[in-house]
Amino acid sequence: MKNKKAGKVLTKKTTKGALIKGMSKRLPSEMLEDPLFRKELQEIMKGYSGIYGLYRRDSLYYVGLTTNLFGRIGWHLKDRHAGKWDSFVIFRIKKVNYLKDIETLVSHLVEIPGARVKGKVPRDADITRILRDVWQEHKKKMKEIEKALRK
């Protein structure tokens, strides 16, 4: 958006890139075992929090969030997820306070076999609950109308 004010042209600043500070394509888990790639991946992820996805063949298996991307993905080669995934993606995130919300969003969009929890939204943000309440009120009014018409 450009606007002339006192002879100056003002340009609206974009917020693109304000949250995601880097991402990868899907990478094979074997990269984590190669010393050269391990070193480079560790450097790339150093100091970044983020969201990551683990894949089994072509399907998303697990989504996680962490304040230590490299360490967490490496740990999943040894923990309960070991042998259940073969590739991964990473998203370096700048604003750590959004991590849980992003994970919740993703876990409610797609079925994630390796996830134990889906994340919760605040009660006042649960649109389904609000619509359910509206529906109940509507049904109550319809019953009253139906009752009046029977008379």
Protein backbone atom coordinates (compact mmCIF):
# COMPACT_ATOMS: atom_id res chain seq x y z
CA MET A 1 0.00 0.00 0.00
CA LYS A 2 1.52 3.28 -1.07
CA ASN A 3 0.39 6.62 0.27
CA LYS A 4 1.66 10.14 -0.34
CA LYS A 5 2.16 12.13 2.84
CA ALA A 6 4.16 15.33 2.98
CA GLY A 7 5.86 14.46 -0.32
CA LYS A 8 7.01 11.01 0.89
CA VAL A 9 5.86 7.64 -0.40
CA LEU A 10 5.02 5.31 2.50
CA THR A 11 5.15 1.59 1.92
CA LYS A 12 3.35 -0.84 4.23
CA LYS A 13 5.83 -3.18 5.85
CA THR A 14 5.22 -6.88 5.25
CA THR A 15 4.97 -9.37 8.09
CA LYS A 16 6.12 -12.21 5.83
CA GLY A 17 8.86 -14.13 7.58
CA ALA A 18 8.00 -12.76 11.01
CA LEU A 19 7.27 -16.22 12.40
CA ILE A 20 9.03 -18.81 10.22
CA LYS A 21 12.76 -18.19 10.01
CA GLY A 22 13.60 -21.18 7.86
CA MET A 23 12.28 -24.50 6.71
CA SER A 24 13.48 -27.60 4.97
CA LYS A 25 12.06 -29.90 2.36
CA ARG A 26 11.60 -33.46 3.50
CA LEU A 27 15.00 -34.87 4.49
CA PRO A 28 15.89 -38.57 4.94
CA SER A 29 16.58 -39.65 8.53
CA GLU A 30 19.89 -41.17 7.38
CA MET A 31 21.24 -37.60 7.13
CA LEU A 32 21.36 -37.54 10.93
CA GLU A 33 23.84 -40.43 10.90
CA ASP A 34 26.28 -38.85 8.42
CA PRO A 35 28.95 -36.80 10.30
CA LEU A 36 29.14 -34.02 7.68
CA PHE A 37 25.39 -33.52 7.46
CA ARG A 38 24.99 -33.85 11.24
CA LYS A 39 27.46 -31.01 11.75
CA GLU A 40 25.77 -28.77 9.16
CA LEU A 41 22.26 -29.56 10.42
CA GLN A 42 23.36 -28.84 13.97
CA GLU A 43 24.75 -25.48 12.85
CA ILE A 44 21.63 -24.61 10.84
CA MET A 45 19.32 -25.46 13.76
CA LYS A 46 21.55 -24.04 16.50
CA GLY A 47 19.70 -21.64 18.77
CA TYR A 48 16.36 -22.12 17.04
CA SER A 49 13.11 -23.36 18.42
CA GLY A 50 10.72 -24.91 16.01
CA ILE A 51 8.14 -27.32 14.77
CA TYR A 52 9.12 -30.52 13.02
CA GLY A 53 7.32 -33.30 11.24
CA LEU A 54 8.37 -36.93 11.10
CA TYR A 55 7.17 -38.97 8.13
CA ARG A 56 6.72 -42.68 7.54
CA ARG A 57 6.93 -43.17 3.77
CA ASP A 58 4.52 -40.58 2.35
CA SER A 59 2.43 -40.05 5.48
CA LEU A 60 2.87 -37.65 8.35
CA TYR A 61 3.62 -39.75 11.42
CA TYR A 62 4.33 -37.19 14.14
CA VAL A 63 4.49 -33.43 14.70
CA GLY A 64 6.47 -31.97 17.54
CA LEU A 65 7.65 -28.69 18.94
CA THR A 66 10.90 -27.98 20.69
CA THR A 67 13.31 -25.33 21.81
CA ASN A 68 16.16 -27.56 20.54
CA LEU A 69 15.41 -28.73 16.99
CA PHE A 70 18.57 -30.73 16.36
CA GLY A 71 18.57 -32.48 19.73
CA ARG A 72 14.90 -33.41 19.61
CA ILE A 73 14.94 -34.86 16.11
CA GLY A 74 18.08 -36.85 16.95
CA TRP A 75 16.43 -38.11 20.13
CA HIS A 76 13.52 -39.51 18.11
CA LEU A 77 15.98 -41.98 16.53
CA LYS A 78 16.24 -43.62 20.00
CA ASP A 79 12.92 -43.03 21.78
CA ARG A 80 9.44 -44.58 21.32
CA HIS A 81 9.39 -43.24 17.74
CA ALA A 82 12.60 -45.05 16.72
CA GLY A 83 12.17 -47.05 13.52
CA LYS A 84 8.68 -45.61 12.92
CA TRP A 85 9.77 -42.73 10.68
CA ASP A 86 12.16 -42.33 7.77
CA SER A 87 12.21 -38.62 6.92
CA PHE A 88 11.60 -35.24 8.52
CA VAL A 89 10.95 -31.56 7.89
CA ILE A 90 11.89 -28.64 10.11
CA PHE A 91 10.48 -25.15 10.57
CA ARG A 92 12.66 -22.73 12.50
CA ILE A 93 10.34 -20.48 14.49
CA LYS A 94 11.27 -17.10 15.93
CA LYS A 95 8.35 -16.49 18.27
CA VAL A 96 8.56 -19.35 20.77
CA ASN A 97 5.28 -18.39 22.46
CA TYR A 98 3.39 -19.51 19.30
CA LEU A 99 4.87 -23.02 19.17
CA LYS A 100 2.12 -24.79 21.13
CA ASP A 101 -0.65 -23.06 19.15
CA ILE A 102 0.96 -24.09 15.86
CA GLU A 103 1.33 -27.69 17.02
CA THR A 104 -2.33 -27.71 18.15
CA LEU A 105 -3.44 -26.32 14.80
CA VAL A 106 -1.52 -28.95 12.82
CA SER A 107 -2.65 -31.83 15.04
CA HIS A 108 -6.29 -30.87 14.54
CA LEU A 109 -5.88 -30.54 10.75
CA VAL A 110 -4.39 -33.95 10.05
CA GLU A 111 -4.40 -37.37 11.66
CA ILE A 112 -1.04 -37.93 13.35
CA PRO A 113 -0.53 -41.60 14.31
CA GLY A 114 2.43 -40.97 16.62
CA ALA A 115 0.77 -38.21 18.66
CA ARG A 116 -0.55 -38.92 22.15
CA VAL A 117 -2.29 -35.57 22.60
CA LYS A 118 -3.90 -33.09 20.20
CA GLY A 119 -3.55 -29.88 22.18
CA LYS A 120 -6.43 -27.87 23.53
CA VAL A 121 -7.90 -24.52 22.66
CA PRO A 122 -9.20 -22.17 25.35
CA ARG A 123 -12.86 -22.70 26.23
CA ASP A 124 -13.88 -19.28 24.88
CA ALA A 125 -12.16 -20.08 21.55
CA ASP A 126 -13.98 -23.40 21.02
CA ILE A 127 -16.23 -22.48 18.09
CA THR A 128 -17.80 -25.95 18.00
CA ARG A 129 -18.96 -25.57 21.60
CA ILE A 130 -20.43 -22.15 20.82
CA LEU A 131 -22.28 -23.54 17.78
CA ARG A 132 -23.52 -26.50 19.83
CA ASP A 133 -24.99 -24.03 22.35
CA VAL A 134 -26.65 -22.08 19.52
CA TRP A 135 -28.07 -25.34 18.13
CA GLN A 136 -29.47 -26.33 21.53
CA GLU A 137 -31.15 -22.94 21.88
CA HIS A 138 -32.55 -23.27 18.35
CA LYS A 139 -33.94 -26.76 19.11
CA LYS A 140 -35.57 -25.43 22.28
CA LYS A 141 -37.31 -22.62 20.33
CA MET A 142 -38.40 -25.06 17.62
CA LYS A 143 -39.96 -27.35 20.25
CA GLU A 144 -41.89 -24.38 21.64
CA ILE A 145 -43.16 -23.50 18.16
CA GLU A 146 -44.06 -27.13 17.46
CA LYS A 147 -45.94 -27.32 20.76
CA ALA A 148 -47.85 -24.12 19.95
CA LEU A 149 -48.82 -25.43 16.50
CA ARG A 150 -50.29 -28.64 17.98
CA LYS A 151 -52.82 -26.70 20.01
